[in-house]
């Protein structure tokens, strides 16, 4: 939980440097969305491009993408695949072992992409309101 404390302290410092709660929350939300996109190895480039296009703080976006890391990636892929499979097929993913590339791509890749996009949208929405709520609570606690 030390990571979250460091992130919270950093976010508070950014708010003292003139960033609004909306700008900070939007940056976190964009980063969380990017973290769930299954474009491995491109998160940093995607974060920089989207931060520039949306005019949000690049560092906040980059820090937020770090929830997708080598420790969380297997769980993230599994949950993305299951969510995508439920959305596409109406049932949980059947895990099958094969060497056929076309089967692997069709059976696993599309559910991972769909599930990752859904989780990215949901996760970014939740993170936006959590960060905004954090600032709302913080301002009411200090008054």
Foldseek 3Di string as FASTA:
>chain_A
DVLVVVLVVVLVVVVVVPDDLLLLLLLLLLLLLLLLAPPPPCSLVVLVVVCVVVVGDSVSSVSNSVVNDPVCPVVSLQQQLQQLCCVPPVHGQDDDDDDDPVCCCVRRVRSSRNSSNVCSNVVSVVSSVVSSVVVVVVVVVVD
